[in-house]
Amino acid sequence: MMAVDVNALRLRAQLLLRRVGAPTCLAVVLFLLGAAAWAWAWQQRALAAQLEARPLPLTSLGPAAVQSAPATASENLALFYATLGQQRHAEQQVKLLFDLAAKNGLVLAQGEYKSGYDKASRVATYQVTLPLKGSYPAVWQFALQALRAMPFASLDELSFRREQIADTNLEARLRLTFYLTDAAGGTP
């Protein structure tokens, strides 16, 4: 391997700087940096064009993108009622929440439960407020799993409280509303 004499390189750089001048050296360095930035941008643009030209597989779009939207208002209404949960299974949904909390390592105290009914839409609501204790990621994981497991639920509130900044566990309050129907087939 060839040994590099650092002092000789430094001396050559100093001589070159004195011969051509500092403004010229600065201009050359800026030109080289600009050329490198232009080449990088060109490469990124070419990569983006390749990605746009490539068709996406249907599996990457997810199930919502594959299904077409219902065409009429009556079909939309039927889909809405088909998505509702069953009122007679509300207690099982609460048990599912407790199971998901245990699976995520959360301490779940006794919750508050409130039921309601909207006569115009014939939809029952079941509001569940749960005090949780655990880590921040575990609480979010629990909330997301609950929404995936119960597509007829809405996340109405999620608040966090920590006693001290160094605490790894926190207290959270989660409020979900289940939208339910009392009809067996899903449509009232």
Protein backbone atom coordinates (compact mmCIF):
# COMPACT_ATOMS: atom_id res chain seq x y z
CA MET A 1 0.00 0.00 0.00
CA MET A 2 1.26 3.46 -0.85
CA ALA A 3 1.91 5.83 2.05
CA VAL A 4 0.35 9.26 1.71
CA ASP A 5 2.40 12.20 2.87
CA VAL A 6 -0.12 14.53 4.47
CA ASN A 7 2.32 17.41 4.71
CA ALA A 8 3.06 17.23 0.97
CA LEU A 9 -0.65 17.27 0.14
CA ARG A 10 -1.24 20.23 2.45
CA LEU A 11 1.65 22.11 0.86
CA ARG A 12 0.32 21.44 -2.66
CA ALA A 13 -3.15 22.63 -1.63
CA GLN A 14 -1.70 25.83 -0.20
CA LEU A 15 0.32 26.49 -3.36
CA LEU A 16 -2.71 25.89 -5.57
CA LEU A 17 -4.80 28.21 -3.41
CA ARG A 18 -2.21 30.99 -3.69
CA ARG A 19 -1.78 30.48 -7.42
CA VAL A 20 -5.47 30.55 -8.47
CA GLY A 21 -6.87 32.56 -5.57
CA ALA A 22 -9.46 31.86 -2.87
CA PRO A 23 -12.52 33.07 -4.87
CA THR A 24 -11.73 30.66 -7.71
CA CYS A 25 -11.29 27.71 -5.32
CA LEU A 26 -14.55 28.60 -3.59
CA ALA A 27 -16.33 28.79 -6.95
CA VAL A 28 -15.00 25.35 -7.94
CA VAL A 29 -16.13 23.81 -4.63
CA LEU A 30 -19.61 25.37 -4.98
CA PHE A 31 -19.82 24.15 -8.59
CA LEU A 32 -18.96 20.60 -7.52
CA LEU A 33 -21.53 20.69 -4.70
CA GLY A 34 -24.19 22.00 -7.09
CA ALA A 35 -23.40 19.28 -9.62
CA ALA A 36 -23.66 16.62 -6.92
CA ALA A 37 -27.02 18.02 -5.74
CA TRP A 38 -28.32 18.11 -9.31
CA ALA A 39 -27.25 14.50 -9.90
CA TRP A 40 -28.93 13.40 -6.68
CA ALA A 41 -32.18 15.19 -7.59
CA TRP A 42 -32.09 13.65 -11.07
CA GLN A 43 -31.65 10.19 -9.57
CA GLN A 44 -34.57 10.76 -7.15
CA ARG A 45 -36.81 11.94 -9.99
CA ALA A 46 -35.93 8.86 -12.07
CA LEU A 47 -36.64 6.59 -9.09
CA ALA A 48 -40.02 8.25 -8.51
CA ALA A 49 -40.90 7.82 -12.19
CA GLN A 50 -40.06 4.11 -11.98
CA LEU A 51 -42.26 3.68 -8.91
CA GLU A 52 -45.17 5.49 -10.56
CA ALA A 53 -44.88 3.39 -13.70
CA ARG A 54 -44.98 0.13 -11.74
CA PRO A 55 -48.57 -1.08 -11.07
CA LEU A 56 -49.46 -1.79 -7.45
CA PRO A 57 -50.57 -5.31 -6.59
CA LEU A 58 -54.16 -5.50 -5.38
CA THR A 59 -53.09 -6.90 -2.02
CA SER A 60 -51.18 -3.71 -1.16
CA LEU A 61 -54.28 -1.58 -1.63
CA GLY A 62 -56.15 -3.22 1.24
CA PRO A 63 -59.68 -4.57 1.35
CA ALA A 64 -61.34 -1.12 1.33
CA ALA A 65 -59.78 -0.19 -2.01
CA VAL A 66 -60.75 -3.46 -3.69
CA GLN A 67 -64.44 -3.13 -2.80
CA SER A 68 -66.40 -0.68 -4.88
CA ALA A 69 -68.59 1.89 -3.15
CA PRO A 70 -72.33 1.19 -3.13
CA ALA A 71 -74.08 3.08 -5.90
CA THR A 72 -77.35 4.11 -4.29
CA ALA A 73 -78.46 5.67 -1.02
CA SER A 74 -80.44 2.55 -0.11
CA GLU A 75 -77.35 0.39 -0.62
CA ASN A 76 -75.34 2.79 1.56
CA LEU A 77 -77.99 2.59 4.26
CA ALA A 78 -78.05 -1.20 4.05
CA LEU A 79 -74.26 -1.28 4.39
CA PHE A 80 -74.47 1.03 7.41
CA TYR A 81 -76.98 -1.21 9.19
CA ALA A 82 -75.01 -4.33 8.24
CA THR A 83 -71.94 -2.87 9.97
CA LEU A 84 -73.74 -2.28 13.27
CA GLY A 85 -73.10 -4.63 16.15
CA GLN A 86 -75.78 -6.68 17.87
CA GLN A 87 -77.25 -5.12 21.00
CA ARG A 88 -77.63 -8.50 22.67
CA HIS A 89 -73.84 -9.01 22.43
CA ALA A 90 -72.82 -5.73 24.11
CA GLU A 91 -71.57 -7.49 27.24
CA GLN A 92 -69.43 -9.80 25.11
CA GLN A 93 -67.88 -6.74 23.45
CA VAL A 94 -67.00 -5.33 26.88
CA LYS A 95 -65.46 -8.70 27.81
CA LEU A 96 -63.44 -8.49 24.58
CA LEU A 97 -62.13 -5.10 25.71
CA PHE A 98 -61.00 -6.58 29.02
CA ASP A 99 -59.32 -9.49 27.19
CA LEU A 100 -57.50 -7.12 24.82
CA ALA A 101 -56.34 -5.00 27.76
CA ALA A 102 -54.92 -8.06 29.51
CA LYS A 103 -53.25 -9.18 26.26
CA ASN A 104 -51.51 -5.78 26.03
CA GLY A 105 -50.41 -5.83 29.67
CA LEU A 106 -52.73 -3.07 30.80
CA VAL A 107 -54.39 -2.77 34.18
CA LEU A 108 -58.06 -2.13 33.54
CA ALA A 109 -60.19 -0.98 36.45
CA GLN A 110 -63.98 -1.06 36.57
CA GLY A 111 -65.39 1.03 33.76
CA GLU A 112 -68.44 3.22 33.37
CA TYR A 113 -71.22 2.11 31.05
CA LYS A 114 -74.08 4.13 29.61
CA SER A 115 -76.68 3.00 27.10
CA GLY A 116 -78.84 5.10 24.81
CA TYR A 117 -81.19 4.81 21.86
CA ASP A 118 -81.89 7.05 18.85
CA LYS A 119 -85.48 6.54 17.75
CA ALA A 120 -85.05 8.25 14.37
CA SER A 121 -82.26 5.96 13.17
CA ARG A 122 -83.26 3.01 15.37
CA VAL A 123 -79.67 2.67 16.55
CA ALA A 124 -78.74 1.86 20.12
CA THR A 125 -75.53 3.22 21.62
CA TYR A 126 -73.47 1.74 24.40
CA GLN A 127 -70.82 4.08 25.75
CA VAL A 128 -67.91 2.49 27.62
CA THR A 129 -65.40 4.58 29.60
CA LEU A 130 -62.36 2.66 30.79
CA PRO A 131 -59.56 3.81 33.10
CA LEU A 132 -56.32 2.13 32.03
CA LYS A 133 -52.82 1.91 33.50
CA GLY A 134 -49.82 0.90 31.43
CA SER A 135 -47.28 2.11 28.90
CA TYR A 136 -48.09 4.61 26.17
CA PRO A 137 -47.50 2.15 23.28
CA ALA A 138 -49.59 -0.53 25.01
CA VAL A 139 -52.54 1.86 25.41
CA TRP A 140 -52.40 2.84 21.73
CA GLN A 141 -52.05 -0.79 20.67
CA PHE A 142 -55.09 -1.66 22.79
CA ALA A 143 -57.16 1.17 21.27
CA LEU A 144 -56.27 0.17 17.71
CA GLN A 145 -56.97 -3.51 18.35
CA ALA A 146 -60.34 -2.64 19.88
CA LEU A 147 -61.33 -0.60 16.83
CA ARG A 148 -60.23 -3.39 14.48
CA ALA A 149 -62.14 -6.02 16.43
CA MET A 150 -65.30 -3.90 16.61
CA PRO A 151 -65.86 -1.92 13.40
CA PHE A 152 -69.13 -0.57 14.84
CA ALA A 153 -67.27 1.26 17.63
CA SER A 154 -65.99 4.82 17.64
CA LEU A 155 -63.12 6.15 19.71
CA ASP A 156 -64.58 9.24 21.37
CA GLU A 157 -61.85 10.08 23.87
CA LEU A 158 -58.34 9.00 24.70
CA SER A 159 -56.53 11.01 27.33
CA PHE A 160 -53.26 10.38 29.14
CA ARG A 161 -51.96 11.44 32.53
CA ARG A 162 -48.56 10.83 34.08
CA GLU A 163 -47.69 11.60 37.70
CA GLN A 164 -44.00 12.28 37.03
CA ILE A 165 -42.13 12.73 33.79
CA ALA A 166 -39.85 9.78 34.55
CA ASP A 167 -42.76 7.33 35.01
CA THR A 168 -42.91 4.70 32.29
CA ASN A 169 -46.49 3.79 33.12
CA LEU A 170 -49.29 6.27 32.82
CA GLU A 171 -52.97 6.54 33.49
CA ALA A 172 -55.24 6.71 30.48
CA ARG A 173 -58.94 7.22 29.97
CA LEU A 174 -60.53 5.64 26.93
CA ARG A 175 -64.13 6.21 25.86
CA LEU A 176 -65.67 4.09 23.12
CA THR A 177 -69.21 4.15 21.78
CA PHE A 178 -70.69 1.00 20.29
CA TYR A 179 -73.38 1.53 17.66
CA LEU A 180 -75.77 -1.38 17.88
CA THR A 181 -79.01 -2.67 16.47
CA ASP A 182 -81.53 -4.90 18.14
CA ALA A 183 -82.52 -6.57 14.87
CA ALA A 184 -81.05 -10.03 14.22
CA GLY A 185 -80.26 -9.43 10.55
CA GLY A 186 -78.53 -6.08 11.01
CA THR A 187 -81.26 -3.95 9.40
CA PRO A 188 -84.03 -2.60 11.61
